[in-house]
């Protein structure tokens, strides 16, 4: 499965364009690319332990997408130029239905052996990896000096959020990730705590510094 390359051939570096990047950018990119490799490696380690077909489909689909975006990022980082392939959008296949409420369940404890590894734990590890990388992508994107690399990194943030939500929905359906709610009265009170604001165009005098801008 993982010996196959995605539809686009991986980029093979020819001539480095290292001068297109700032020093801090190099450190961020090495951390980001190394972290992405770690996700791919751990997904590969998880695969033999997955039992539920739906979770296996999610894992395989996300692995292929992450690998394709990793290859794209490597190309953009190496050349500092627009990559040969456009960034992609991850489309999850889970229905966006969330079950609210807490049901009684067995207390959790650390695994005593590999025989104890179950889909609940694997999906939790996957979710943690994807959420962590979403944060790292966001922090790294704002530090990029090369405009192409910045856009390539920034474009992946939404995709990682989508992948994290897909895993959450799977966990929620299986009751691995239960979602408590507040009392209805409390939720209504907090929902009504904010209203929309309006903007009043300042006069010319205000623009010249003779008075404050007015917001209502």
Protein backbone atom coordinates (compact mmCIF):
# COMPACT_ATOMS: atom_id res chain seq x y z
CA UNK A 1 0.00 0.00 0.00
CA UNK A 2 2.57 2.53 1.15
CA UNK A 3 5.16 1.41 -1.37
CA UNK A 4 3.09 3.11 -4.06
CA UNK A 5 3.71 6.75 -4.95
CA UNK A 6 0.81 9.20 -5.19
CA UNK A 7 -0.41 10.25 -8.61
CA UNK A 8 2.28 12.94 -8.96
CA UNK A 9 5.90 11.84 -9.14
CA UNK A 10 8.06 13.00 -6.20
CA UNK A 11 10.31 15.95 -6.89
CA UNK A 12 14.00 15.08 -7.33
CA UNK A 13 16.21 18.09 -6.43
CA UNK A 14 18.59 19.34 -9.10
CA UNK A 15 19.85 22.81 -8.15
CA UNK A 16 19.29 24.27 -4.71
CA UNK A 17 17.93 27.81 -4.33
CA UNK A 18 18.88 28.21 -0.67
CA UNK A 19 19.35 31.97 -1.08
CA UNK A 20 15.55 32.32 -1.41
CA UNK A 21 15.04 31.63 2.30
CA UNK A 22 15.78 33.32 5.59
CA UNK A 23 17.73 31.64 8.38
CA UNK A 24 14.76 31.24 10.76
CA UNK A 25 12.75 29.78 7.90
CA UNK A 26 15.27 26.93 7.57
CA UNK A 27 14.81 25.89 11.19
CA UNK A 28 11.02 25.99 10.93
CA UNK A 29 10.99 24.01 7.70
CA UNK A 30 13.29 21.32 9.06
CA UNK A 31 11.02 20.96 12.09
CA UNK A 32 7.91 20.89 9.92
CA UNK A 33 9.20 18.42 7.32
CA UNK A 34 10.66 16.19 10.02
CA UNK A 35 7.35 16.27 11.87
CA UNK A 36 5.46 15.31 8.72
CA UNK A 37 7.77 12.34 8.19
CA UNK A 38 7.06 11.31 11.78
CA UNK A 39 3.31 11.35 11.10
CA UNK A 40 3.74 9.20 8.00
CA UNK A 41 5.98 6.75 9.84
CA UNK A 42 3.57 6.45 12.75
CA UNK A 43 0.58 5.97 10.45
CA UNK A 44 2.52 3.09 8.89
CA UNK A 45 3.19 1.63 12.34
CA UNK A 46 -0.50 1.96 13.30
CA UNK A 47 -1.82 0.24 10.18
CA UNK A 48 -1.32 -3.44 11.15
CA UNK A 49 -3.21 -2.86 14.42
CA UNK A 50 -6.32 -1.26 12.90
CA UNK A 51 -9.33 -3.56 13.04
CA UNK A 52 -12.30 -1.49 11.86
CA UNK A 53 -12.48 -1.06 8.03
CA UNK A 54 -13.72 2.54 8.25
CA UNK A 55 -10.76 3.62 10.37
CA UNK A 56 -8.40 1.83 7.99
CA UNK A 57 -9.88 3.75 5.06
CA UNK A 58 -9.40 7.04 6.92
CA UNK A 59 -5.81 6.17 7.79
CA UNK A 60 -4.92 5.16 4.22
CA UNK A 61 -6.65 8.18 2.67
CA UNK A 62 -4.93 10.60 5.04
CA UNK A 63 -1.55 8.92 4.57
CA UNK A 64 -1.70 9.35 0.80
CA UNK A 65 -2.80 12.98 1.10
CA UNK A 66 -0.13 13.88 3.68
CA UNK A 67 2.55 12.23 1.52
CA UNK A 68 1.46 14.17 -1.56
CA UNK A 69 1.58 17.47 0.33
CA UNK A 70 4.92 16.57 1.88
CA UNK A 71 6.40 16.03 -1.60
CA UNK A 72 4.94 19.33 -2.75
CA UNK A 73 6.39 21.15 0.24
CA UNK A 74 9.84 19.64 -0.29
CA UNK A 75 9.82 20.87 -3.88
CA UNK A 76 8.71 24.40 -2.94
CA UNK A 77 11.27 24.60 -0.15
CA UNK A 78 14.12 23.36 -2.30
CA UNK A 79 13.49 25.59 -5.30
CA UNK A 80 11.82 28.56 -3.62
CA UNK A 81 9.61 28.67 -6.70
CA UNK A 82 6.05 27.68 -7.55
CA UNK A 83 5.87 23.86 -7.43
CA UNK A 84 5.08 21.80 -10.52
CA UNK A 85 1.76 20.70 -9.02
CA UNK A 86 -0.96 22.72 -7.31
CA UNK A 87 -1.80 22.19 -3.64
CA UNK A 88 -4.77 19.89 -3.06
CA UNK A 89 -7.86 20.06 -0.88
CA UNK A 90 -8.60 17.19 1.49
CA UNK A 91 -12.22 16.05 1.27
CA UNK A 92 -13.34 13.86 4.14
CA UNK A 93 -16.06 11.26 3.59
CA UNK A 94 -17.54 11.21 7.08
CA UNK A 95 -21.08 12.59 7.52
CA UNK A 96 -20.87 15.67 9.73
CA UNK A 97 -23.19 14.39 12.46
CA UNK A 98 -22.15 14.83 16.09
CA UNK A 99 -23.71 12.86 18.93
CA UNK A 100 -23.89 14.89 22.14
CA UNK A 101 -24.02 13.56 25.67
CA UNK A 102 -22.08 11.20 27.89
CA UNK A 103 -22.76 7.47 28.09
CA UNK A 104 -21.30 5.20 30.79
CA UNK A 105 -18.08 3.52 29.67
CA UNK A 106 -15.23 1.50 31.08
CA UNK A 107 -12.44 3.50 32.77
CA UNK A 108 -9.30 3.88 30.67
CA UNK A 109 -5.87 2.59 31.65
CA UNK A 110 -2.48 2.21 29.94
CA UNK A 111 -2.02 -0.79 27.66
CA UNK A 112 -0.20 -3.71 29.23
CA UNK A 113 0.87 -5.25 25.92
CA UNK A 114 0.49 -4.82 22.15
CA UNK A 115 -2.52 -7.11 22.37
CA UNK A 116 -4.32 -4.30 24.18
CA UNK A 117 -3.95 -1.86 21.26
CA UNK A 118 -7.43 -1.08 19.92
CA UNK A 119 -9.02 1.27 17.39
CA UNK A 120 -10.01 3.70 20.14
CA UNK A 121 -6.38 4.27 21.03
CA UNK A 122 -5.10 4.32 17.46
CA UNK A 123 -7.66 6.90 16.38
CA UNK A 124 -6.73 8.98 19.42
CA UNK A 125 -3.04 8.86 18.47
CA UNK A 126 -3.93 9.87 14.91
CA UNK A 127 -6.01 12.81 16.13
CA UNK A 128 -3.21 14.02 18.40
CA UNK A 129 -0.65 13.89 15.57
CA UNK A 130 -2.87 15.77 13.12
CA UNK A 131 -3.88 18.45 15.63
CA UNK A 132 -0.27 19.05 16.66
CA UNK A 133 0.84 19.40 13.05
CA UNK A 134 -2.02 21.81 12.31
CA UNK A 135 -0.65 24.08 15.04
CA UNK A 136 2.92 23.69 13.78
CA UNK A 137 1.86 24.52 10.21
CA UNK A 138 0.11 27.67 11.41
CA UNK A 139 3.05 28.89 13.47
CA UNK A 140 5.51 28.05 10.69
CA UNK A 141 3.51 29.76 7.94
CA UNK A 142 3.72 33.16 9.61
CA UNK A 143 7.51 32.80 9.89
CA UNK A 144 8.14 32.04 6.21
CA UNK A 145 9.98 34.74 4.24
CA UNK A 146 9.65 33.06 0.84
CA UNK A 147 6.15 33.90 -0.47
CA UNK A 148 5.69 30.61 -2.34
CA UNK A 149 6.68 28.45 0.62
CA UNK A 150 4.46 30.58 2.87
CA UNK A 151 1.42 29.94 0.67
CA UNK A 152 2.17 26.22 0.31
CA UNK A 153 2.42 25.85 4.10
CA UNK A 154 -0.61 28.04 4.82
CA UNK A 155 -2.78 26.15 2.34
CA UNK A 156 -2.28 22.94 4.32
CA UNK A 157 -3.64 24.28 7.62
CA UNK A 158 -7.27 23.95 6.58
CA UNK A 159 -6.61 20.44 5.29
CA UNK A 160 -5.19 19.30 8.61
CA UNK A 161 -8.19 20.79 10.39
CA UNK A 162 -10.41 18.78 8.04
CA UNK A 163 -8.47 15.57 8.71
CA UNK A 164 -8.66 16.15 12.46
CA UNK A 165 -12.41 16.69 12.23
CA UNK A 166 -12.79 13.50 10.19
CA UNK A 167 -11.03 11.49 12.90
CA UNK A 168 -13.10 13.19 15.61
CA UNK A 169 -16.34 12.32 13.81
CA UNK A 170 -15.27 8.70 13.55
CA UNK A 171 -14.39 8.62 17.24
CA UNK A 172 -17.64 10.31 18.19
CA UNK A 173 -19.70 7.79 16.21
CA UNK A 174 -17.91 4.95 17.98
CA UNK A 175 -18.39 6.67 21.38
CA UNK A 176 -14.61 6.94 21.78
CA UNK A 177 -14.86 10.74 21.89
CA UNK A 178 -17.99 11.78 23.76
CA UNK A 179 -19.15 15.39 23.79
CA UNK A 180 -20.78 16.75 26.96
CA UNK A 181 -23.08 19.77 26.84
CA UNK A 182 -24.04 22.48 29.28
CA UNK A 183 -27.59 22.86 30.54
CA UNK A 184 -29.88 24.44 27.95
CA UNK A 185 -30.36 27.60 30.01
CA UNK A 186 -26.61 28.09 30.40
CA UNK A 187 -25.98 27.56 26.68
CA UNK A 188 -28.69 30.05 25.77
CA UNK A 189 -27.31 32.61 28.19
CA UNK A 190 -23.77 32.30 26.82
CA UNK A 191 -25.02 32.37 23.22
CA UNK A 192 -26.78 35.68 23.92
CA UNK A 193 -23.69 37.21 25.56
CA UNK A 194 -22.60 38.87 22.30
CA UNK A 195 -24.30 40.87 19.58
CA UNK A 196 -23.04 42.20 16.26
CA UNK A 197 -21.45 45.62 16.14
CA UNK A 198 -21.99 48.41 13.60
CA UNK A 199 -19.57 50.87 12.04
CA UNK A 200 -20.16 54.58 11.53
CA UNK A 201 -18.06 56.29 8.86
CA UNK A 202 -15.89 58.95 10.55
CA UNK A 203 -16.22 62.56 9.43
CA UNK A 204 -13.36 64.35 7.66
CA UNK A 205 -12.48 66.06 10.93
CA UNK A 206 -12.13 62.72 12.62
CA UNK A 207 -9.89 61.52 9.80
CA UNK A 208 -7.59 64.50 10.28
CA UNK A 209 -7.09 63.59 13.90
CA UNK A 210 -9.49 66.17 15.40
CA UNK A 211 -11.71 63.57 16.97
CA UNK A 212 -12.01 59.86 17.68
CA UNK A 213 -13.47 57.35 15.25
CA UNK A 214 -16.95 56.34 16.39
CA UNK A 215 -18.01 52.70 16.72
CA UNK A 216 -21.40 51.66 17.99
